C-alpha atoms as a PDB file:
ATOM      1  CA  UNK A   1       3.204 -12.080  -8.749  1.00  0.00           C
ATOM      2  CA  UNK A   2       4.547 -13.100  -5.324  1.00  0.00           C
ATOM      3  CA  UNK A   3       7.563 -11.597  -4.083  1.00  0.00           C
ATOM      4  CA  UNK A   4       9.439 -10.761  -0.906  1.00  0.00           C
ATOM      5  CA  UNK A   5       9.184  -7.524   0.955  1.00  0.00           C
ATOM      6  CA  UNK A   6      12.778  -6.947  -0.009  1.00  0.00           C
ATOM      7  CA  UNK A   7      12.053  -7.551  -3.514  1.00  0.00           C
ATOM      8  CA  UNK A   8       9.018  -5.239  -3.553  1.00  0.00           C
ATOM      9  CA  UNK A   9      10.978  -2.420  -1.594  1.00  0.00           C
ATOM     10  CA  UNK A  10      13.448  -2.573  -4.371  1.00  0.00           C
ATOM     11  CA  UNK A  11      11.014  -2.445  -7.072  1.00  0.00           C
ATOM     12  CA  UNK A  12       9.423   0.668  -5.274  1.00  0.00           C
ATOM     13  CA  UNK A  13      12.929   2.259  -4.985  1.00  0.00           C
ATOM     14  CA  UNK A  14      14.049   1.537  -8.246  1.00  0.00           C
ATOM     15  CA  UNK A  15      11.171   1.921 -10.712  1.00  0.00           C
ATOM     16  CA  UNK A  16       8.629   4.216  -8.942  1.00  0.00           C
ATOM     17  CA  UNK A  17      10.748   6.568  -6.985  1.00  0.00           C
ATOM     18  CA  UNK A  18       8.596   9.676  -6.136  1.00  0.00           C
ATOM     19  CA  UNK A  19       5.385   7.869  -7.177  1.00  0.00           C
ATOM     20  CA  UNK A  20       2.478   6.717  -4.985  1.00  0.00           C
ATOM     21  CA  UNK A  21       0.883   3.152  -5.457  1.00  0.00           C
ATOM     22  CA  UNK A  22      -1.076   0.334  -4.245  1.00  0.00           C
ATOM     23  CA  UNK A  23       0.327  -3.174  -3.471  1.00  0.00           C
ATOM     24  CA  UNK A  24      -2.490  -5.588  -3.425  1.00  0.00           C
ATOM     25  CA  UNK A  25      -2.678  -8.622  -0.982  1.00  0.00           C
ATOM     26  CA  UNK A  26      -5.031 -11.477  -0.670  1.00  0.00           C
ATOM     27  CA  UNK A  27      -5.571 -11.183   3.102  1.00  0.00           C
ATOM     28  CA  UNK A  28      -5.897  -8.580   5.669  1.00  0.00           C
ATOM     29  CA  UNK A  29      -3.162 -10.049   7.821  1.00  0.00           C
ATOM     30  CA  UNK A  30      -0.633 -10.003   4.833  1.00  0.00           C
ATOM     31  CA  UNK A  31      -1.953  -6.187   4.253  1.00  0.00           C
ATOM     32  CA  UNK A  32      -0.833  -5.331   7.754  1.00  0.00           C
ATOM     33  CA  UNK A  33       2.637  -7.343   7.743  1.00  0.00           C
ATOM     34  CA  UNK A  34       3.601  -6.041   4.178  1.00  0.00           C
ATOM     35  CA  UNK A  35       2.899  -2.543   5.222  1.00  0.00           C
ATOM     36  CA  UNK A  36       4.760  -2.912   8.738  1.00  0.00           C
ATOM     37  CA  UNK A  37       7.681  -4.416   6.842  1.00  0.00           C
ATOM     38  CA  UNK A  38       7.886  -1.704   4.132  1.00  0.00           C
ATOM     39  CA  UNK A  39       7.781   1.022   6.906  1.00  0.00           C
ATOM     40  CA  UNK A  40       9.990  -0.598   9.542  1.00  0.00           C
ATOM     41  CA  UNK A  41      12.196  -2.619   7.613  1.00  0.00           C
ATOM     42  CA  UNK A  42      12.524  -0.321   4.441  1.00  0.00           C
ATOM     43  CA  UNK A  43      11.755   2.842   5.526  1.00  0.00           C
ATOM     44  CA  UNK A  44       9.001   3.582   2.985  1.00  0.00           C
ATOM     45  CA  UNK A  45       5.854   5.671   3.883  1.00  0.00           C
ATOM     46  CA  UNK A  46       3.195   2.669   3.633  1.00  0.00           C
ATOM     47  CA  UNK A  47       0.004   1.869   5.514  1.00  0.00           C
ATOM     48  CA  UNK A  48      -2.468  -1.163   5.204  1.00  0.00           C
ATOM     49  CA  UNK A  49      -6.127  -0.846   4.064  1.00  0.00           C
ATOM     50  CA  UNK A  50      -8.926  -3.436   4.652  1.00  0.00           C
ATOM     51  CA  UNK A  51     -12.330  -3.940   5.246  1.00  0.00           C
ATOM     52  CA  UNK A  52     -11.948  -4.680   8.917  1.00  0.00           C
ATOM     53  CA  UNK A  53     -10.450  -1.091   9.790  1.00  0.00           C
ATOM     54  CA  UNK A  54     -12.110   1.390  11.747  1.00  0.00           C
ATOM     55  CA  UNK A  55     -13.991   4.076   9.563  1.00  0.00           C
ATOM     56  CA  UNK A  56     -11.805   6.674  10.703  1.00  0.00           C
ATOM     57  CA  UNK A  57      -8.488   4.894  10.091  1.00  0.00           C
ATOM     58  CA  UNK A  58      -9.769   4.126   6.639  1.00  0.00           C
ATOM     59  CA  UNK A  59     -10.512   7.667   6.006  1.00  0.00           C
ATOM     60  CA  UNK A  60      -7.074   8.803   7.341  1.00  0.00           C
ATOM     61  CA  UNK A  61      -5.463   6.405   5.005  1.00  0.00           C
ATOM     62  CA  UNK A  62      -7.535   7.603   2.202  1.00  0.00           C
ATOM     63  CA  UNK A  63      -6.981  11.337   2.906  1.00  0.00           C
ATOM     64  CA  UNK A  64      -3.044  10.830   3.345  1.00  0.00           C
ATOM     65  CA  UNK A  65      -2.593   9.107   0.080  1.00  0.00           C
ATOM     66  CA  UNK A  66      -4.936  11.172  -1.845  1.00  0.00           C
ATOM     67  CA  UNK A  67      -2.860  14.257  -0.572  1.00  0.00           C
ATOM     68  CA  UNK A  68       0.562  12.616  -1.382  1.00  0.00           C
ATOM     69  CA  UNK A  69       1.428  12.275   2.481  1.00  0.00           C
ATOM     70  CA  UNK A  70       1.512   8.563   1.942  1.00  0.00           C
ATOM     71  CA  UNK A  71       3.303   6.723  -0.765  1.00  0.00           C
ATOM     72  CA  UNK A  72       2.230   3.177  -0.365  1.00  0.00           C
ATOM     73  CA  UNK A  73      -1.172   1.679   0.281  1.00  0.00           C
ATOM     74  CA  UNK A  74      -1.260  -2.042   0.831  1.00  0.00           C
ATOM     75  CA  UNK A  75      -4.912  -3.167   0.412  1.00  0.00           C
ATOM     76  CA  UNK A  76      -6.730  -6.193  -0.021  1.00  0.00           C
ATOM     77  CA  UNK A  77      -7.623  -7.199  -3.487  1.00  0.00           C
ATOM     78  CA  UNK A  78     -11.252  -6.861  -2.808  1.00  0.00           C
ATOM     79  CA  UNK A  79     -10.760  -3.293  -2.179  1.00  0.00           C
ATOM     80  CA  UNK A  80      -9.179  -2.600  -5.324  1.00  0.00           C
ATOM     81  CA  UNK A  81     -12.441  -0.751  -6.572  1.00  0.00           C
ATOM     82  CA  UNK A  82     -12.435   1.811  -3.846  1.00  0.00           C
ATOM     83  CA  UNK A  83      -8.877   3.173  -4.720  1.00  0.00           C
ATOM     84  CA  UNK A  84      -9.284   2.276  -8.256  1.00  0.00           C
ATOM     85  CA  UNK A  85      -6.082   2.499 -10.914  1.00  0.00           C
ATOM     86  CA  UNK A  86      -7.071   5.874 -11.898  1.00  0.00           C
ATOM     87  CA  UNK A  87      -4.840   7.448  -9.063  1.00  0.00           C
ATOM     88  CA  UNK A  88      -1.589   5.403  -9.356  1.00  0.00           C
ATOM     89  CA  UNK A  89      -0.387   2.138 -11.035  1.00  0.00           C
ATOM     90  CA  UNK A  90      -0.044  -0.841  -8.717  1.00  0.00           C
ATOM     91  CA  UNK A  91       3.448  -1.921  -8.176  1.00  0.00           C
ATOM     92  CA  UNK A  92       2.584  -5.618  -8.566  1.00  0.00           C
END
């Protein structure tokens, strides 16, 4: 479902406090924009993740998320299989 970053931040804060999760987007640009807005406008620990990222950046995001240093990963739908749903429920 589509929602604004304000709505998404509210959902995360109200329904998923203290949890980690994945937000799926349809484009790389949208992933970057949503992650940036969640960080800068809403103070959430969020990073984007998509196929065009440098390998080291991908590894950093994965490691931070798996070690609970990162709360929200904003990824393209195409990469949903890499993270999988076993680690955390998707927020959307």
